[in-house]
Amino acid sequence: MARILVVDDDPHVRAVAADTLTLSGHKVDTAQDGVDALYLLKQHAYDIIMSDLRMPILDLYGAGPGGPTLAVAFNGEKSVHAP
C-alpha cells in the first residue's frame, strides 16, 4: 500500500483518481492546487505524487528546485512522467 497525493484543479479528475487508487488499497490525499499540495507535503511523506502539470494556482512548473522527484500528470489523453 502506497501513500499517494493526487493534485488536480478539476474536481472530477481528483475524485476518479482518488477513488480508483483507494479501491486498489492505497491511502490517498487530494489537493486542488500546488498551494494545497505544498501544505500537505509539509504534513505527510508521500510515496507517489500524481499531479496535473498546469493549474491556475501554483502548478507543477511553479514548484521550482527541490520540488517532487516524480510526478505523473494527466493531460486528458495520456500520462506523462516528469522528472
N, C-alpha and C. Protein backbone atom coordinates (compact mmCIF):
# COMPACT_ATOMS: atom_id res chain seq x y z
N MET A 1 0.85 -1.18 0.00
CA MET A 1 0.00 0.00 0.00
C MET A 1 0.89 1.24 0.00
N ALA A 2 0.62 2.14 -0.92
CA ALA A 2 1.38 3.38 -1.03
C ALA A 2 0.54 4.54 -0.52
N ARG A 3 1.22 5.56 -0.04
CA ARG A 3 0.55 6.82 0.31
C ARG A 3 0.73 7.73 -0.90
N ILE A 4 -0.39 8.18 -1.47
CA ILE A 4 -0.37 8.91 -2.74
C ILE A 4 -1.06 10.25 -2.58
N LEU A 5 -0.46 11.28 -3.16
CA LEU A 5 -1.07 12.61 -3.22
C LEU A 5 -1.50 12.87 -4.65
N VAL A 6 -2.79 13.14 -4.84
CA VAL A 6 -3.35 13.47 -6.15
C VAL A 6 -3.62 14.97 -6.17
N VAL A 7 -3.01 15.68 -7.15
CA VAL A 7 -3.15 17.12 -7.24
C VAL A 7 -3.74 17.47 -8.61
N ASP A 8 -4.94 18.05 -8.61
CA ASP A 8 -5.57 18.45 -9.87
C ASP A 8 -6.64 19.49 -9.56
N ASP A 9 -6.75 20.52 -10.41
CA ASP A 9 -7.74 21.55 -10.19
C ASP A 9 -9.13 21.11 -10.64
N ASP A 10 -9.22 20.02 -11.39
CA ASP A 10 -10.52 19.51 -11.84
C ASP A 10 -11.05 18.54 -10.78
N PRO A 11 -12.15 18.88 -10.13
CA PRO A 11 -12.65 18.02 -9.04
C PRO A 11 -13.03 16.62 -9.52
N HIS A 12 -13.50 16.50 -10.75
CA HIS A 12 -13.88 15.18 -11.28
C HIS A 12 -12.64 14.29 -11.43
N VAL A 13 -11.57 14.84 -11.99
CA VAL A 13 -10.33 14.08 -12.16
C VAL A 13 -9.79 13.67 -10.80
N ARG A 14 -9.79 14.61 -9.83
CA ARG A 14 -9.32 14.28 -8.48
C ARG A 14 -10.12 13.13 -7.89
N ALA A 15 -11.43 13.20 -8.01
CA ALA A 15 -12.30 12.19 -7.41
C ALA A 15 -12.10 10.82 -8.06
N VAL A 16 -12.05 10.78 -9.38
CA VAL A 16 -11.88 9.49 -10.08
C VAL A 16 -10.53 8.86 -9.72
N ALA A 17 -9.47 9.67 -9.75
CA ALA A 17 -8.14 9.14 -9.40
C ALA A 17 -8.11 8.65 -7.96
N ALA A 18 -8.64 9.46 -7.04
CA ALA A 18 -8.62 9.09 -5.62
C ALA A 18 -9.45 7.83 -5.37
N ASP A 19 -10.62 7.76 -5.96
CA ASP A 19 -11.48 6.59 -5.77
C ASP A 19 -10.82 5.32 -6.32
N THR A 20 -10.25 5.42 -7.50
CA THR A 20 -9.61 4.26 -8.12
C THR A 20 -8.43 3.78 -7.28
N LEU A 21 -7.61 4.71 -6.83
CA LEU A 21 -6.44 4.34 -6.02
C LEU A 21 -6.84 3.80 -4.66
N THR A 22 -7.86 4.39 -4.06
CA THR A 22 -8.35 3.92 -2.76
C THR A 22 -8.90 2.50 -2.87
N LEU A 23 -9.66 2.23 -3.93
CA LEU A 23 -10.20 0.89 -4.14
C LEU A 23 -9.09 -0.13 -4.37
N SER A 24 -7.93 0.34 -4.82
CA SER A 24 -6.78 -0.54 -5.02
C SER A 24 -5.98 -0.72 -3.74
N GLY A 25 -6.45 -0.11 -2.65
CA GLY A 25 -5.82 -0.32 -1.35
C GLY A 25 -4.83 0.73 -0.91
N HIS A 26 -4.75 1.84 -1.62
CA HIS A 26 -3.80 2.88 -1.28
C HIS A 26 -4.43 3.94 -0.38
N LYS A 27 -3.59 4.61 0.39
CA LYS A 27 -4.00 5.76 1.20
C LYS A 27 -3.83 6.98 0.31
N VAL A 28 -4.91 7.73 0.08
CA VAL A 28 -4.88 8.83 -0.88
C VAL A 28 -5.33 10.13 -0.23
N ASP A 29 -4.54 11.18 -0.46
CA ASP A 29 -4.92 12.54 -0.12
C ASP A 29 -5.05 13.31 -1.42
N THR A 30 -5.87 14.36 -1.41
CA THR A 30 -6.04 15.17 -2.62
C THR A 30 -5.80 16.64 -2.31
N ALA A 31 -5.38 17.35 -3.35
CA ALA A 31 -5.18 18.79 -3.27
C ALA A 31 -5.70 19.41 -4.57
N GLN A 32 -6.28 20.59 -4.46
CA GLN A 32 -6.85 21.23 -5.65
C GLN A 32 -5.86 22.12 -6.39
N ASP A 33 -4.71 22.38 -5.79
CA ASP A 33 -3.69 23.19 -6.45
C ASP A 33 -2.36 23.00 -5.75
N GLY A 34 -1.33 23.65 -6.29
CA GLY A 34 0.01 23.50 -5.73
C GLY A 34 0.15 24.02 -4.32
N VAL A 35 -0.62 25.06 -3.98
CA VAL A 35 -0.55 25.61 -2.63
C VAL A 35 -1.04 24.58 -1.61
N ASP A 36 -2.18 23.95 -1.91
CA ASP A 36 -2.70 22.90 -1.02
C ASP A 36 -1.73 21.72 -0.97
N ALA A 37 -1.14 21.38 -2.12
CA ALA A 37 -0.20 20.26 -2.16
C ALA A 37 1.02 20.53 -1.29
N LEU A 38 1.56 21.74 -1.35
CA LEU A 38 2.72 22.07 -0.52
C LEU A 38 2.38 21.98 0.96
N TYR A 39 1.19 22.39 1.34
CA TYR A 39 0.76 22.27 2.74
C TYR A 39 0.75 20.79 3.15
N LEU A 40 0.16 19.94 2.31
CA LEU A 40 0.09 18.51 2.63
C LEU A 40 1.47 17.87 2.65
N LEU A 41 2.37 18.32 1.77
CA LEU A 41 3.72 17.78 1.74
C LEU A 41 4.49 18.10 3.02
N LYS A 42 4.13 19.18 3.67
CA LYS A 42 4.77 19.51 4.95
C LYS A 42 4.22 18.65 6.08
N GLN A 43 3.03 18.10 5.88
CA GLN A 43 2.37 17.30 6.92
C GLN A 43 2.65 15.80 6.80
N HIS A 44 2.88 15.33 5.57
CA HIS A 44 2.98 13.89 5.33
C HIS A 44 4.10 13.58 4.33
N ALA A 45 4.60 12.36 4.40
CA ALA A 45 5.54 11.85 3.40
C ALA A 45 4.73 11.01 2.41
N TYR A 46 4.95 11.24 1.12
CA TYR A 46 4.22 10.51 0.09
C TYR A 46 5.15 9.62 -0.71
N ASP A 47 4.64 8.45 -1.07
CA ASP A 47 5.39 7.54 -1.94
C ASP A 47 5.28 7.99 -3.40
N ILE A 48 4.13 8.52 -3.75
CA ILE A 48 3.86 8.94 -5.13
C ILE A 48 3.06 10.23 -5.11
N ILE A 49 3.41 11.14 -6.02
CA ILE A 49 2.61 12.35 -6.23
C ILE A 49 2.12 12.31 -7.67
N MET A 50 0.81 12.34 -7.83
CA MET A 50 0.20 12.41 -9.16
C MET A 50 -0.33 13.83 -9.32
N SER A 51 0.18 14.54 -10.31
CA SER A 51 -0.18 15.94 -10.42
C SER A 51 -0.47 16.37 -11.85
N ASP A 52 -1.48 17.20 -11.98
CA ASP A 52 -1.73 17.90 -13.23
C ASP A 52 -0.52 18.82 -13.44
N LEU A 53 -0.09 19.01 -14.66
CA LEU A 53 1.04 19.90 -14.92
C LEU A 53 0.65 21.36 -14.86
N ARG A 54 -0.52 21.69 -15.35
CA ARG A 54 -0.94 23.09 -15.41
C ARG A 54 -2.22 23.29 -14.59
N MET A 55 -2.11 24.19 -13.62
CA MET A 55 -3.24 24.54 -12.77
C MET A 55 -3.22 26.05 -12.57
N PRO A 56 -4.38 26.65 -12.30
CA PRO A 56 -4.43 28.11 -12.15
C PRO A 56 -3.58 28.64 -10.99
N ILE A 57 -3.48 27.89 -9.91
CA ILE A 57 -2.73 28.36 -8.74
C ILE A 57 -1.58 27.41 -8.47
N LEU A 58 -0.36 27.87 -8.68
CA LEU A 58 0.88 27.12 -8.44
C LEU A 58 0.83 25.71 -9.02
N ASP A 59 1.15 25.60 -10.29
CA ASP A 59 1.18 24.30 -10.94
C ASP A 59 2.55 23.64 -10.77
N LEU A 60 2.73 22.49 -11.40
CA LEU A 60 3.97 21.73 -11.23
C LEU A 60 5.17 22.52 -11.75
N TYR A 61 4.96 23.32 -12.78
CA TYR A 61 6.06 24.13 -13.31
C TYR A 61 6.51 25.18 -12.31
N GLY A 62 5.62 25.59 -11.42
CA GLY A 62 5.95 26.58 -10.41
C GLY A 62 6.60 26.00 -9.17
N ALA A 63 6.76 24.68 -9.12
CA ALA A 63 7.34 24.04 -7.93
C ALA A 63 8.80 24.40 -7.76
N GLY A 64 9.52 24.59 -8.86
CA GLY A 64 10.91 25.02 -8.80
C GLY A 64 11.84 23.96 -8.24
N PRO A 65 13.10 24.34 -8.02
CA PRO A 65 14.08 23.41 -7.48
C PRO A 65 13.64 22.86 -6.13
N GLY A 66 13.92 21.60 -5.91
CA GLY A 66 13.55 20.98 -4.64
C GLY A 66 12.13 20.44 -4.66
N GLY A 67 11.48 20.54 -5.82
CA GLY A 67 10.12 20.02 -5.95
C GLY A 67 10.14 18.50 -5.97
N PRO A 68 9.00 17.88 -6.19
CA PRO A 68 8.93 16.42 -6.19
C PRO A 68 9.84 15.81 -7.25
N THR A 69 10.38 14.65 -6.96
CA THR A 69 11.29 14.00 -7.90
C THR A 69 10.52 13.20 -8.94
N LEU A 70 9.27 12.90 -8.70
CA LEU A 70 8.47 12.15 -9.67
C LEU A 70 7.05 12.65 -9.61
N ALA A 71 6.49 12.86 -10.77
CA ALA A 71 5.08 13.25 -10.85
C ALA A 71 4.48 12.57 -12.06
N VAL A 72 3.24 12.20 -11.97
CA VAL A 72 2.51 11.68 -13.12
C VAL A 72 1.39 12.66 -13.37
N ALA A 73 1.35 13.20 -14.57
CA ALA A 73 0.39 14.24 -14.88
C ALA A 73 -0.65 13.71 -15.85
N PHE A 74 -1.88 14.13 -15.66
CA PHE A 74 -2.96 13.77 -16.56
C PHE A 74 -3.17 14.91 -17.53
N ASN A 75 -3.17 14.62 -18.82
CA ASN A 75 -3.47 15.68 -19.78
C ASN A 75 -4.71 15.36 -20.59
N GLY A 76 -5.46 14.39 -20.17
CA GLY A 76 -6.70 14.03 -20.84
C GLY A 76 -6.53 12.96 -21.91
N GLU A 77 -5.31 12.75 -22.38
CA GLU A 77 -5.08 11.76 -23.44
C GLU A 77 -4.11 10.66 -23.02
N LYS A 78 -3.10 11.04 -22.23
CA LYS A 78 -2.09 10.06 -21.83
C LYS A 78 -1.43 10.52 -20.55
N SER A 79 -0.66 9.65 -19.94
CA SER A 79 0.09 10.01 -18.75
C SER A 79 1.48 10.46 -19.17
N VAL A 80 1.97 11.46 -18.49
CA VAL A 80 3.30 11.99 -18.77
C VAL A 80 4.13 11.85 -17.50
N HIS A 81 5.27 11.19 -17.59
CA HIS A 81 6.16 11.04 -16.44
C HIS A 81 7.19 12.15 -16.50
N ALA A 82 7.25 12.95 -15.46
CA ALA A 82 8.17 14.08 -15.43
C ALA A 82 9.18 13.91 -14.31
N PRO A 83 10.46 14.14 -14.60
CA PRO A 83 11.49 14.03 -13.54
C PRO A 83 11.37 15.17 -12.55
